[in-house]
PDB file of N, CA and C in Angstrom:
ATOM      1  N   MET A   1      54.655 121.389 111.794  1.00  0.00           N
ATOM      2  CA  MET A   1      54.701 121.520 113.234  1.00  0.00           C
ATOM      3  C   MET A   1      56.029 120.970 113.749  1.00  0.00           C
ATOM      4  N   ASP A   2      56.653 121.697 114.636  1.00  0.00           N
ATOM      5  CA  ASP A   2      57.904 121.262 115.262  1.00  0.00           C
ATOM      6  C   ASP A   2      57.661 120.025 116.127  1.00  0.00           C
ATOM      7  N   ARG A   3      58.629 119.104 116.126  1.00  0.00           N
ATOM      8  CA  ARG A   3      58.452 117.863 116.880  1.00  0.00           C
ATOM      9  C   ARG A   3      58.189 118.122 118.374  1.00  0.00           C
ATOM     10  N   ILE A   4      58.883 119.079 118.945  1.00  0.00           N
ATOM     11  CA  ILE A   4      58.775 119.339 120.385  1.00  0.00           C
ATOM     12  C   ILE A   4      57.382 119.863 120.742  1.00  0.00           C
ATOM     13  N   THR A   5      56.716 120.548 119.820  1.00  0.00           N
ATOM     14  CA  THR A   5      55.409 121.109 120.155  1.00  0.00           C
ATOM     15  C   THR A   5      54.359 120.027 120.412  1.00  0.00           C
ATOM     16  N   ARG A   6      54.641 118.792 120.054  1.00  0.00           N
ATOM     17  CA  ARG A   6      53.714 117.711 120.342  1.00  0.00           C
ATOM     18  C   ARG A   6      53.675 117.394 121.833  1.00  0.00           C
ATOM     19  N   PHE A   7      54.712 117.773 122.557  1.00  0.00           N
ATOM     20  CA  PHE A   7      54.844 117.421 123.942  1.00  0.00           C
ATOM     21  C   PHE A   7      54.405 118.539 124.869  1.00  0.00           C
ATOM     22  N   PRO A   8      53.778 118.187 125.950  1.00  0.00           N
ATOM     23  CA  PRO A   8      53.384 119.211 126.926  1.00  0.00           C
ATOM     24  C   PRO A   8      54.611 119.746 127.638  1.00  0.00           C
ATOM     25  N   GLU A   9      54.407 120.812 128.365  1.00  0.00           N
ATOM     26  CA  GLU A   9      55.472 121.393 129.163  1.00  0.00           C
ATOM     27  C   GLU A   9      55.972 120.352 130.173  1.00  0.00           C
ATOM     28  N   TYR A  10      57.220 120.507 130.594  1.00  0.00           N
ATOM     29  CA  TYR A  10      57.795 119.663 131.629  1.00  0.00           C
ATOM     30  C   TYR A  10      56.856 119.687 132.831  1.00  0.00           C
ATOM     31  N   PRO A  11      56.430 118.539 133.326  1.00  0.00           N
ATOM     32  CA  PRO A  11      55.323 118.506 134.304  1.00  0.00           C
ATOM     33  C   PRO A  11      55.708 118.754 135.750  1.00  0.00           C
ATOM     34  N   LEU A  12      56.980 118.857 136.054  1.00  0.00           N
ATOM     35  CA  LEU A  12      57.395 118.946 137.466  1.00  0.00           C
ATOM     36  C   LEU A  12      57.834 120.354 137.834  1.00  0.00           C
ATOM     37  N   SER A  13      57.536 120.721 139.053  1.00  0.00           N
ATOM     38  CA  SER A  13      57.993 122.013 139.583  1.00  0.00           C
ATOM     39  C   SER A  13      59.471 121.896 139.916  1.00  0.00           C
ATOM     40  N   GLU A  14      60.100 123.015 140.224  1.00  0.00           N
ATOM     41  CA  GLU A  14      61.503 123.009 140.614  1.00  0.00           C
ATOM     42  C   GLU A  14      61.709 122.186 141.889  1.00  0.00           C
ATOM     43  N   ASP A  15      60.816 122.328 142.849  1.00  0.00           N
ATOM     44  CA  ASP A  15      60.911 121.533 144.085  1.00  0.00           C
ATOM     45  C   ASP A  15      60.780 120.049 143.824  1.00  0.00           C
ATOM     46  N   GLU A  16      59.841 119.669 142.952  1.00  0.00           N
ATOM     47  CA  GLU A  16      59.677 118.254 142.606  1.00  0.00           C
ATOM     48  C   GLU A  16      60.921 117.707 141.886  1.00  0.00           C
ATOM     49  N   THR A  17      61.487 118.517 140.999  1.00  0.00           N
ATOM     50  CA  THR A  17      62.692 118.121 140.292  1.00  0.00           C
ATOM     51  C   THR A  17      63.847 117.919 141.263  1.00  0.00           C
ATOM     52  N   ASN A  18      63.999 118.829 142.213  1.00  0.00           N
ATOM     53  CA  ASN A  18      65.073 118.679 143.206  1.00  0.00           C
ATOM     54  C   ASN A  18      64.863 117.430 144.056  1.00  0.00           C
ATOM     55  N   LYS A  19      63.613 117.134 144.395  1.00  0.00           N
ATOM     56  CA  LYS A  19      63.297 115.939 145.206  1.00  0.00           C
ATOM     57  C   LYS A  19      63.702 114.661 144.480  1.00  0.00           C
ATOM     58  N   ILE A  20      63.335 114.556 143.189  1.00  0.00           N
ATOM     59  CA  ILE A  20      63.654 113.336 142.475  1.00  0.00           C
ATOM     60  C   ILE A  20      65.148 113.202 142.230  1.00  0.00           C
ATOM     61  N   LYS A  21      65.853 114.295 142.089  1.00  0.00           N
ATOM     62  CA  LYS A  21      67.309 114.227 141.955  1.00  0.00           C
ATOM     63  C   LYS A  21      67.926 113.676 143.240  1.00  0.00           C
ATOM     64  N   LEU A  22      67.401 114.093 144.385  1.00  0.00           N
ATOM     65  CA  LEU A  22      67.901 113.535 145.663  1.00  0.00           C
ATOM     66  C   LEU A  22      67.625 112.036 145.732  1.00  0.00           C
ATOM     67  N   GLU A  23      66.556 111.610 145.128  1.00  0.00           N
ATOM     68  CA  GLU A  23      66.210 110.174 145.099  1.00  0.00           C
ATOM     69  C   GLU A  23      67.066 109.414 144.061  1.00  0.00           C
ATOM     70  N   GLY A  24      67.740 110.138 143.172  1.00  0.00           N
ATOM     71  CA  GLY A  24      68.634 109.488 142.224  1.00  0.00           C
ATOM     72  C   GLY A  24      68.128 109.359 140.805  1.00  0.00           C
ATOM     73  N   TRP A  25      67.043 110.058 140.442  1.00  0.00           N
ATOM     74  CA  TRP A  25      66.496 109.919 139.086  1.00  0.00           C
ATOM     75  C   TRP A  25      66.010 111.260 138.546  1.00  0.00           C
ATOM     76  N   VAL A  26      65.792 111.312 137.244  1.00  0.00           N
ATOM     77  CA  VAL A  26      65.313 112.521 136.581  1.00  0.00           C
ATOM     78  C   VAL A  26      64.307 112.169 135.503  1.00  0.00           C
ATOM     79  N   LEU A  27      63.535 113.160 135.091  1.00  0.00           N
ATOM     80  CA  LEU A  27      62.638 113.038 133.938  1.00  0.00           C
ATOM     81  C   LEU A  27      63.224 113.948 132.868  1.00  0.00           C
ATOM     82  N   SER A  28      63.593 113.356 131.723  1.00  0.00           N
ATOM     83  CA  SER A  28      64.303 114.115 130.694  1.00  0.00           C
ATOM     84  C   SER A  28      63.583 114.026 129.349  1.00  0.00           C
ATOM     85  N   LEU A  29      63.637 115.121 128.614  1.00  0.00           N
ATOM     86  CA  LEU A  29      63.177 115.114 127.233  1.00  0.00           C
ATOM     87  C   LEU A  29      64.376 114.711 126.384  1.00  0.00           C
ATOM     88  N   THR A  30      64.241 113.622 125.635  1.00  0.00           N
ATOM     89  CA  THR A  30      65.333 113.027 124.895  1.00  0.00           C
ATOM     90  C   THR A  30      65.002 113.006 123.415  1.00  0.00           C
ATOM     91  N   SER A  31      66.021 113.214 122.606  1.00  0.00           N
ATOM     92  CA  SER A  31      65.867 113.124 121.154  1.00  0.00           C
ATOM     93  C   SER A  31      66.432 111.807 120.671  1.00  0.00           C
ATOM     94  N   ALA A  32      65.706 111.185 119.768  1.00  0.00           N
ATOM     95  CA  ALA A  32      66.166 109.935 119.168  1.00  0.00           C
ATOM     96  C   ALA A  32      65.798 109.961 117.681  1.00  0.00           C
ATOM     97  N   TYR A  33      66.231 108.942 116.978  1.00  0.00           N
ATOM     98  CA  TYR A  33      65.963 108.876 115.543  1.00  0.00           C
ATOM     99  C   TYR A  33      64.475 108.902 115.229  1.00  0.00           C
ATOM    100  N   ASN A  34      63.645 108.443 116.163  1.00  0.00           N
ATOM    101  CA  ASN A  34      62.200 108.388 115.895  1.00  0.00           C
ATOM    102  C   ASN A  34      61.454 109.529 116.546  1.00  0.00           C
ATOM    103  N   GLY A  35      62.166 110.571 116.986  1.00  0.00           N
ATOM    104  CA  GLY A  35      61.496 111.754 117.529  1.00  0.00           C
ATOM    105  C   GLY A  35      61.915 112.026 118.959  1.00  0.00           C
ATOM    106  N   ASP A  36      61.288 113.011 119.532  1.00  0.00           N
ATOM    107  CA  ASP A  36      61.566 113.415 120.911  1.00  0.00           C
ATOM    108  C   ASP A  36      60.572 112.736 121.844  1.00  0.00           C
ATOM    109  N   TYR A  37      61.037 112.370 123.015  1.00  0.00           N
ATOM    110  CA  TYR A  37      60.164 111.737 123.987  1.00  0.00           C
ATOM    111  C   TYR A  37      60.750 111.919 125.381  1.00  0.00           C
ATOM    112  N   TYR A  38      59.921 111.757 126.381  1.00  0.00           N
ATOM    113  CA  TYR A  38      60.366 111.863 127.780  1.00  0.00           C
ATOM    114  C   TYR A  38      60.814 110.493 128.264  1.00  0.00           C
ATOM    115  N   GLN A  39      61.826 110.538 129.146  1.00  0.00           N
ATOM    116  CA  GLN A  39      62.375 109.307 129.727  1.00  0.00           C
ATOM    117  C   GLN A  39      62.590 109.482 131.227  1.00  0.00           C
ATOM    118  N   ILE A  40      62.429 108.433 131.952  1.00  0.00           N
ATOM    119  CA  ILE A  40      62.888 108.358 133.343  1.00  0.00           C
ATOM    120  C   ILE A  40      64.305 107.811 133.261  1.00  0.00           C
ATOM    121  N   GLN A  41      65.265 108.537 133.821  1.00  0.00           N
ATOM    122  CA  GLN A  41      66.642 108.124 133.771  1.00  0.00           C
ATOM    123  C   GLN A  41      67.285 108.243 135.156  1.00  0.00           C
ATOM    124  N   LYS A  42      68.366 107.516 135.370  1.00  0.00           N
ATOM    125  CA  LYS A  42      69.117 107.714 136.600  1.00  0.00           C
ATOM    126  C   LYS A  42      69.760 109.099 136.540  1.00  0.00           C
ATOM    127  N   PHE A  43      69.869 109.752 137.691  1.00  0.00           N
ATOM    128  CA  PHE A  43      70.516 111.058 137.770  1.00  0.00           C
ATOM    129  C   PHE A  43      72.020 110.799 137.762  1.00  0.00           C
ATOM    130  N   ASP A  44      72.684 111.192 136.701  1.00  0.00           N
ATOM    131  CA  ASP A  44      74.086 110.840 136.523  1.00  0.00           C
ATOM    132  C   ASP A  44      75.014 111.397 137.602  1.00  0.00           C
ATOM    133  N   GLU A  45      74.601 112.451 138.288  1.00  0.00           N
ATOM    134  CA  GLU A  45      75.439 113.047 139.339  1.00  0.00           C
ATOM    135  C   GLU A  45      75.221 112.367 140.687  1.00  0.00           C
ATOM    136  N   SER A  46      74.480 111.302 140.703  1.00  0.00           N
ATOM    137  CA  SER A  46      74.192 110.538 141.906  1.00  0.00           C
ATOM    138  C   SER A  46      74.700 109.117 141.727  1.00  0.00           C
ATOM    139  N   ASP A  47      75.060 108.475 142.809  1.00  0.00           N
ATOM    140  CA  ASP A  47      75.499 107.088 142.705  1.00  0.00           C
ATOM    141  C   ASP A  47      74.486 106.112 143.275  1.00  0.00           C
ATOM    142  N   ILE A  48      73.242 106.552 143.371  1.00  0.00           N
ATOM    143  CA  ILE A  48      72.188 105.703 143.949  1.00  0.00           C
ATOM    144  C   ILE A  48      71.865 104.532 143.024  1.00  0.00           C
ATOM    145  N   PHE A  49      71.694 104.820 141.751  1.00  0.00           N
ATOM    146  CA  PHE A  49      71.334 103.784 140.785  1.00  0.00           C
ATOM    147  C   PHE A  49      72.492 103.572 139.817  1.00  0.00           C
ATOM    148  N   GLU A  50      72.691 102.324 139.437  1.00  0.00           N
ATOM    149  CA  GLU A  50      73.748 102.007 138.484  1.00  0.00           C
ATOM    150  C   GLU A  50      73.312 102.210 137.038  1.00  0.00           C
ATOM    151  N   ASN A  51      71.992 102.190 136.794  1.00  0.00           N
ATOM    152  CA  ASN A  51      71.507 102.340 135.429  1.00  0.00           C
ATOM    153  C   ASN A  51      70.064 102.839 135.447  1.00  0.00           C
ATOM    154  N   ASP A  52      69.567 103.173 134.281  1.00  0.00           N
ATOM    155  CA  ASP A  52      68.208 103.696 134.143  1.00  0.00           C
ATOM    156  C   ASP A  52      67.163 102.678 134.601  1.00  0.00           C
ATOM    157  N   GLN A  53      67.436 101.407 134.356  1.00  0.00           N
ATOM    158  CA  GLN A  53      66.466 100.389 134.709  1.00  0.00           C
ATOM    159  C   GLN A  53      66.237 100.348 136.221  1.00  0.00           C
ATOM    160  N   GLU A  54      67.254 100.551 137.002  1.00  0.00           N
ATOM    161  CA  GLU A  54      67.061 100.613 138.466  1.00  0.00           C
ATOM    162  C   GLU A  54      66.177 101.804 138.837  1.00  0.00           C
ATOM    163  N   ALA A  55      66.381 102.927 138.159  1.00  0.00           N
ATOM    164  CA  ALA A  55      65.546 104.096 138.404  1.00  0.00           C
ATOM    165  C   ALA A  55      64.101 103.813 138.029  1.00  0.00           C
ATOM    166  N   TRP A  56      63.876 103.122 136.907  1.00  0.00           N
ATOM    167  CA  TRP A  56      62.514 102.769 136.499  1.00  0.00           C
ATOM    168  C   TRP A  56      61.828 101.959 137.584  1.00  0.00           C
ATOM    169  N   VAL A  57      62.541 100.972 138.096  1.00  0.00           N
ATOM    170  CA  VAL A  57      61.947 100.090 139.103  1.00  0.00           C
ATOM    171  C   VAL A  57      61.635 100.883 140.366  1.00  0.00           C
ATOM    172  N   PHE A  58      62.514 101.784 140.744  1.00  0.00           N
ATOM    173  CA  PHE A  58      62.301 102.595 141.938  1.00  0.00           C
ATOM    174  C   PHE A  58      61.036 103.448 141.772  1.00  0.00           C
ATOM    175  N   VAL A  59      60.891 104.098 140.626  1.00  0.00           N
ATOM    176  CA  VAL A  59      59.718 104.947 140.378  1.00  0.00           C
ATOM    177  C   VAL A  59      58.466 104.103 140.343  1.00  0.00           C
ATOM    178  N   ASN A  60      58.526 102.964 139.688  1.00  0.00           N
ATOM    179  CA  ASN A  60      57.364 102.054 139.643  1.00  0.00           C
ATOM    180  C   ASN A  60      56.991 101.595 141.052  1.00  0.00           C
ATOM    181  N   ASP A  61      57.996 101.251 141.849  1.00  0.00           N
ATOM    182  CA  ASP A  61      57.752 100.850 143.236  1.00  0.00           C
ATOM    183  C   ASP A  61      57.082 101.967 144.018  1.00  0.00           C
ATOM    184  N   GLY A  62      57.542 103.201 143.787  1.00  0.00           N
ATOM    185  CA  GLY A  62      56.920 104.353 144.436  1.00  0.00           C
ATOM    186  C   GLY A  62      55.463 104.513 144.040  1.00  0.00           C
ATOM    187  N   ALA A  63      55.169 104.311 142.769  1.00  0.00           N
ATOM    188  CA  ALA A  63      53.775 104.428 142.310  1.00  0.00           C
ATOM    189  C   ALA A  63      52.894 103.351 142.957  1.00  0.00           C
ATOM    190  N   ILE A  64      53.466 102.144 143.105  1.00  0.00           N
ATOM    191  CA  ILE A  64      52.712 101.071 143.760  1.00  0.00           C
ATOM    192  C   ILE A  64      52.385 101.446 145.197  1.00  0.00           C
ATOM    193  N   ARG A  65      53.334 102.143 145.840  1.00  0.00           N
ATOM    194  CA  ARG A  65      53.133 102.604 147.225  1.00  0.00           C
ATOM    195  C   ARG A  65      52.341 103.901 147.312  1.00  0.00           C
ATOM    196  N   HIS A  66      51.814 104.363 146.160  1.00  0.00           N
ATOM    197  CA  HIS A  66      50.986 105.563 146.057  1.00  0.00           C
ATOM    198  C   HIS A  66      51.742 106.864 146.359  1.00  0.00           C
ATOM    199  N   ASP A  67      53.047 106.873 146.068  1.00  0.00           N
ATOM    200  CA  ASP A  67      53.817 108.110 146.160  1.00  0.00           C
ATOM    201  C   ASP A  67      53.279 109.050 145.080  1.00  0.00           C
ATOM    202  N   PRO A  68      52.741 110.218 145.452  1.00  0.00           N
ATOM    203  CA  PRO A  68      52.105 111.095 144.473  1.00  0.00           C
ATOM    204  C   PRO A  68      53.020 111.515 143.332  1.00  0.00           C
ATOM    205  N   LEU A  69      54.276 111.770 143.622  1.00  0.00           N
ATOM    206  CA  LEU A  69      55.197 112.195 142.583  1.00  0.00           C
ATOM    207  C   LEU A  69      55.506 111.071 141.608  1.00  0.00           C
ATOM    208  N   ALA A  70      55.711 109.874 142.111  1.00  0.00           N
ATOM    209  CA  ALA A  70      55.957 108.716 141.225  1.00  0.00           C
ATOM    210  C   ALA A  70      54.722 108.438 140.376  1.00  0.00           C
ATOM    211  N   VAL A  71      53.551 108.515 140.952  1.00  0.00           N
ATOM    212  CA  VAL A  71      52.309 108.309 140.199  1.00  0.00           C
ATOM    213  C   VAL A  71      52.193 109.373 139.095  1.00  0.00           C
ATOM    214  N   LYS A  72      52.467 110.611 139.444  1.00  0.00           N
ATOM    215  CA  LYS A  72      52.379 111.720 138.474  1.00  0.00           C
ATOM    216  C   LYS A  72      53.315 111.478 137.289  1.00  0.00           C
ATOM    217  N   VAL A  73      54.568 111.087 137.580  1.00  0.00           N
ATOM    218  CA  VAL A  73      55.539 110.885 136.497  1.00  0.00           C
ATOM    219  C   VAL A  73      55.175 109.667 135.656  1.00  0.00           C
ATOM    220  N   LEU A  74      54.779 108.567 136.275  1.00  0.00           N
ATOM    221  CA  LEU A  74      54.418 107.386 135.475  1.00  0.00           C
ATOM    222  C   LEU A  74      53.205 107.635 134.616  1.00  0.00           C
ATOM    223  N   GLU A  75      52.228 108.370 135.130  1.00  0.00           N
ATOM    224  CA  GLU A  75      51.057 108.703 134.306  1.00  0.00           C
ATOM    225  C   GLU A  75      51.478 109.598 133.143  1.00  0.00           C
ATOM    226  N   PHE A  76      52.386 110.530 133.410  1.00  0.00           N
ATOM    227  CA  PHE A  76      52.886 111.407 132.359  1.00  0.00           C
ATOM    228  C   PHE A  76      53.581 110.597 131.285  1.00  0.00           C
ATOM    229  N   ILE A  77      54.469 109.665 131.699  1.00  0.00           N
ATOM    230  CA  ILE A  77      55.180 108.813 130.736  1.00  0.00           C
ATOM    231  C   ILE A  77      54.192 107.964 129.953  1.00  0.00           C
ATOM    232  N   LYS A  78      53.233 107.387 130.638  1.00  0.00           N
ATOM    233  CA  LYS A  78      52.239 106.537 129.979  1.00  0.00           C
ATOM    234  C   LYS A  78      51.471 107.315 128.914  1.00  0.00           C
ATOM    235  N   ASN A  79      51.102 108.556 129.234  1.00  0.00           N
ATOM    236  CA  ASN A  79      50.301 109.369 128.311  1.00  0.00           C
ATOM    237  C   ASN A  79      51.097 110.058 127.222  1.00  0.00           C
ATOM    238  N   HIS A  80      52.375 110.363 127.470  1.00  0.00           N
ATOM    239  CA  HIS A  80      53.129 111.170 126.524  1.00  0.00           C
ATOM    240  C   HIS A  80      54.354 110.497 125.920  1.00  0.00           C
ATOM    241  N   SER A  81      54.745 109.351 126.460  1.00  0.00           N
ATOM    242  CA  SER A  81      55.879 108.607 125.907  1.00  0.00           C
ATOM    243  C   SER A  81      55.549 107.119 125.921  1.00  0.00           C
ATOM    244  N   PRO A  82      54.572 106.703 125.112  1.00  0.00           N
ATOM    245  CA  PRO A  82      54.136 105.311 125.186  1.00  0.00           C
ATOM    246  C   PRO A  82      55.228 104.277 124.866  1.00  0.00           C
ATOM    247  N   MET A  83      56.193 104.635 123.995  1.00  0.00           N
ATOM    248  CA  MET A  83      57.261 103.695 123.702  1.00  0.00           C
ATOM    249  C   MET A  83      58.151 103.501 124.926  1.00  0.00           C
ATOM    250  N   GLU A  84      58.444 104.588 125.640  1.00  0.00           N
ATOM    251  CA  GLU A  84      59.230 104.490 126.870  1.00  0.00           C
ATOM    252  C   GLU A  84      58.464 103.669 127.909  1.00  0.00           C
ATOM    253  N   HIS A  85      57.169 103.905 128.030  1.00  0.00           N
ATOM    254  CA  HIS A  85      56.367 103.167 128.994  1.00  0.00           C
ATOM    255  C   HIS A  85      56.374 101.678 128.668  1.00  0.00           C
ATOM    256  N   ARG A  86      56.232 101.336 127.392  1.00  0.00           N
ATOM    257  CA  ARG A  86      56.234  99.933 126.978  1.00  0.00           C
ATOM    258  C   ARG A  86      57.580  99.278 127.281  1.00  0.00           C
ATOM    259  N   GLU A  87      58.683  99.972 126.972  1.00  0.00           N
ATOM    260  CA  GLU A  87      60.026  99.425 127.252  1.00  0.00           C
ATOM    261  C   GLU A  87      60.230  99.218 128.755  1.00  0.00           C
ATOM    262  N   MET A  88      59.789 100.187 129.532  1.00  0.00           N
ATOM    263  CA  MET A  88      59.902 100.070 130.981  1.00  0.00           C
ATOM    264  C   MET A  88      59.169  98.834 131.478  1.00  0.00           C
ATOM    265  N   THR A  89      57.954  98.632 130.991  1.00  0.00           N
ATOM    266  CA  THR A  89      57.135  97.513 131.411  1.00  0.00           C
ATOM    267  C   THR A  89      57.788  96.176 131.056  1.00  0.00           C
ATOM    268  N   LEU A  90      58.341  96.092 129.859  1.00  0.00           N
ATOM    269  CA  LEU A  90      58.995  94.860 129.439  1.00  0.00           C
ATOM    270  C   LEU A  90      60.252  94.582 130.257  1.00  0.00           C
ATOM    271  N   VAL A  91      61.066  95.587 130.476  1.00  0.00           N
ATOM    272  CA  VAL A  91      62.307  95.389 131.224  1.00  0.00           C
ATOM    273  C   VAL A  91      62.042  95.060 132.684  1.00  0.00           C
ATOM    274  N   MET A  92      61.100  95.771 133.296  1.00  0.00           N
ATOM    275  CA  MET A  92      60.824  95.555 134.710  1.00  0.00           C
ATOM    276  C   MET A  92      60.252  94.163 134.963  1.00  0.00           C
ATOM    277  N   GLY A  93      59.604  93.576 133.988  1.00  0.00           N
ATOM    278  CA  GLY A  93      59.082  92.242 134.155  1.00  0.00           C
ATOM    279  C   GLY A  93      60.165  91.209 134.371  1.00  0.00           C
ATOM    280  N   GLY A  94      61.370  91.474 133.895  1.00  0.00           N
ATOM    281  CA  GLY A  94      62.464  90.530 134.068  1.00  0.00           C
ATOM    282  C   GLY A  94      63.546  91.015 135.010  1.00  0.00           C
ATOM    283  N   PHE A  95      63.226  92.045 135.797  1.00  0.00           N
ATOM    284  CA  PHE A  95      64.247  92.641 136.685  1.00  0.00           C
ATOM    285  C   PHE A  95      64.452  91.786 137.920  1.00  0.00           C
ATOM    286  N   ASP A  96      65.686  91.642 138.321  1.00  0.00           N
ATOM    287  CA  ASP A  96      66.056  90.851 139.489  1.00  0.00           C
ATOM    288  C   ASP A  96      65.776  91.662 140.767  1.00  0.00           C
ATOM    289  N   ARG A  97      65.006  91.092 141.692  1.00  0.00           N
ATOM    290  CA  ARG A  97      64.629  91.805 142.920  1.00  0.00           C
ATOM    291  C   ARG A  97      65.857  92.200 143.754  1.00  0.00           C
ATOM    292  N   ARG A  98      66.937  91.428 143.670  1.00  0.00           N
ATOM    293  CA  ARG A  98      68.161  91.772 144.432  1.00  0.00           C
ATOM    294  C   ARG A  98      68.722  93.105 143.978  1.00  0.00           C
ATOM    295  N   ASP A  99      68.629  93.398 142.667  1.00  0.00           N
ATOM    296  CA  ASP A  99      69.097  94.685 142.166  1.00  0.00           C
ATOM    297  C   ASP A  99      68.233  95.838 142.688  1.00  0.00           C
ATOM    298  N   ILE A 100      66.936  95.588 142.800  1.00  0.00           N
ATOM    299  CA  ILE A 100      66.027  96.588 143.315  1.00  0.00           C
ATOM    300  C   ILE A 100      66.374  96.848 144.787  1.00  0.00           C
ATOM    301  N   ASP A 101      66.556  95.800 145.549  1.00  0.00           N
ATOM    302  CA  ASP A 101      66.880  95.945 146.970  1.00  0.00           C
ATOM    303  C   ASP A 101      68.199  96.687 147.173  1.00  0.00           C
ATOM    304  N   LYS A 102      69.190  96.402 146.312  1.00  0.00           N
ATOM    305  CA  LYS A 102      70.475  97.096 146.399  1.00  0.00           C
ATOM    306  C   LYS A 102      70.286  98.596 146.124  1.00  0.00           C
ATOM    307  N   ALA A 103      69.527  98.927 145.105  1.00  0.00           N
ATOM    308  CA  ALA A 103      69.294 100.333 144.771  1.00  0.00           C
ATOM    309  C   ALA A 103      68.551 101.040 145.909  1.00  0.00           C
ATOM    310  N   LEU A 104      67.555 100.391 146.482  1.00  0.00           N
ATOM    311  CA  LEU A 104      66.805 101.005 147.580  1.00  0.00           C
ATOM    312  C   LEU A 104      67.698 101.170 148.823  1.00  0.00           C
ATOM    313  N   SER A 105      68.569 100.225 149.083  1.00  0.00           N
ATOM    314  CA  SER A 105      69.516 100.318 150.188  1.00  0.00           C
ATOM    315  C   SER A 105      70.473 101.497 149.989  1.00  0.00           C
ATOM    316  N   ASN A 106      70.969 101.656 148.751  1.00  0.00           N
ATOM    317  CA  ASN A 106      71.831 102.790 148.453  1.00  0.00           C
ATOM    318  C   ASN A 106      71.103 104.122 148.649  1.00  0.00           C
ATOM    319  N   LEU A 107      69.834 104.156 148.268  1.00  0.00           N
ATOM    320  CA  LEU A 107      69.039 105.363 148.452  1.00  0.00           C
ATOM    321  C   LEU A 107      68.898 105.720 149.932  1.00  0.00           C
ATOM    322  N   ARG A 108      68.583 104.700 150.745  1.00  0.00           N
ATOM    323  CA  ARG A 108      68.454 104.952 152.178  1.00  0.00           C
ATOM    324  C   ARG A 108      69.754 105.503 152.768  1.00  0.00           C
ATOM    325  N   LYS A 109      70.878 104.925 152.394  1.00  0.00           N
ATOM    326  CA  LYS A 109      72.172 105.402 152.879  1.00  0.00           C
ATOM    327  C   LYS A 109      72.415 106.838 152.489  1.00  0.00           C
ATOM    328  N   LYS A 110      72.098 107.192 151.265  1.00  0.00           N
ATOM    329  CA  LYS A 110      72.314 108.556 150.790  1.00  0.00           C
ATOM    330  C   LYS A 110      71.416 109.534 151.556  1.00  0.00           C
ATOM    331  N   ILE A 111      70.181 109.170 151.782  1.00  0.00           N
ATOM    332  CA  ILE A 111      69.255 110.038 152.492  1.00  0.00           C
ATOM    333  C   ILE A 111      69.732 110.250 153.929  1.00  0.00           C
ATOM    334  N   VAL A 112      70.153 109.195 154.594  1.00  0.00           N
ATOM    335  CA  VAL A 112      70.658 109.315 155.959  1.00  0.00           C
ATOM    336  C   VAL A 112      71.902 110.198 156.001  1.00  0.00           C
ATOM    337  N   ALA A 113      72.819 109.992 155.063  1.00  0.00           N
ATOM    338  CA  ALA A 113      74.033 110.812 155.012  1.00  0.00           C
ATOM    339  C   ALA A 113      73.700 112.283 154.795  1.00  0.00           C
ATOM    340  N   GLU A 114      72.736 112.570 153.930  1.00  0.00           N
ATOM    341  CA  GLU A 114      72.324 113.941 153.669  1.00  0.00           C
ATOM    342  C   GLU A 114      71.681 114.555 154.904  1.00  0.00           C
ATOM    343  N   GLU A 115      70.837 113.788 155.608  1.00  0.00           N
ATOM    344  CA  GLU A 115      70.202 114.285 156.837  1.00  0.00           C
ATOM    345  C   GLU A 115      71.242 114.584 157.899  1.00  0.00           C
ATOM    346  N   LEU A 116      72.235 113.713 158.056  1.00  0.00           N
ATOM    347  CA  LEU A 116      73.306 113.941 159.038  1.00  0.00           C
ATOM    348  C   LEU A 116      74.118 115.176 158.687  1.00  0.00           C
ATOM    349  N   LYS A 117      74.397 115.347 157.408  1.00  0.00           N
ATOM    350  CA  LYS A 117      75.132 116.526 156.952  1.00  0.00           C
ATOM    351  C   LYS A 117      74.339 117.793 157.278  1.00  0.00           C
ATOM    352  N   ASN A 118      73.061 117.806 156.949  1.00  0.00           N
ATOM    353  CA  ASN A 118      72.209 118.971 157.227  1.00  0.00           C
ATOM    354  C   ASN A 118      72.095 119.211 158.716  1.00  0.00           C
ATOM    355  N   PHE A 119      71.985 118.144 159.504  1.00  0.00           N
ATOM    356  CA  PHE A 119      71.890 118.255 160.953  1.00  0.00           C
ATOM    357  C   PHE A 119      73.120 118.928 161.514  1.00  0.00           C
ATOM    358  N   GLY A 120      74.287 118.533 161.031  1.00  0.00           N
ATOM    359  CA  GLY A 120      75.542 119.131 161.475  1.00  0.00           C
ATOM    360  C   GLY A 120      75.673 120.579 161.060  1.00  0.00           C
ATOM    361  N   GLN A 121      75.207 120.929 159.873  1.00  0.00           N
ATOM    362  CA  GLN A 121      75.299 122.299 159.373  1.00  0.00           C
ATOM    363  C   GLN A 121      74.335 123.228 160.111  1.00  0.00           C
ATOM    364  N   ASN A 122      73.284 122.667 160.672  1.00  0.00           N
ATOM    365  CA  ASN A 122      72.291 123.457 161.400  1.00  0.00           C
ATOM    366  C   ASN A 122      72.557 123.491 162.898  1.00  0.00           C
ATOM    367  N   GLY A 123      73.765 123.124 163.301  1.00  0.00           N
ATOM    368  CA  GLY A 123      74.100 123.138 164.714  1.00  0.00           C
ATOM    369  C   GLY A 123      73.323 122.142 165.554  1.00  0.00           C
ATOM    370  N   GLY A 124      72.975 121.006 164.966  1.00  0.00           N
ATOM    371  CA  GLY A 124      72.248 119.965 165.691  1.00  0.00           C
ATOM    372  C   GLY A 124      70.741 120.192 165.731  1.00  0.00           C
ATOM    373  N   LYS A 125      70.267 121.153 164.955  1.00  0.00           N
ATOM    374  CA  LYS A 125      68.817 121.425 164.922  1.00  0.00           C
ATOM    375  C   LYS A 125      68.230 120.865 163.643  1.00  0.00           C
ATOM    376  N   ARG A 126      67.040 120.322 163.734  1.00  0.00           N
ATOM    377  CA  ARG A 126      66.363 119.780 162.549  1.00  0.00           C
ATOM    378  C   ARG A 126      65.630 120.863 161.813  1.00  0.00           C
TER     379      ARG A 126
END
């Protein structure tokens, strides 16, 4: 059996994928020496998060706030990438809250800038 066949299809729709990219993170199928697995990673084309760990904390925070997409992705990771889930849990336990606040502040700034850009492109209409 091919290693990839152990994994379910990518769980997010195109709209959901675009939404998480705007938030600064992605769900990726990654290959490593011990096989293929899914990871939550920072979206490299965004400057919202400085590293994957900040993205992990953001997604976890979203799940705590009952964000349906964050809950969906964390459940997916828990069920299909247990090593990634375990590493996330260990790292987040020692994460500095100031780093989380900085990442969330950067996200808010990016969202506001995007909304202003869209507002201007639409002739001042929402």
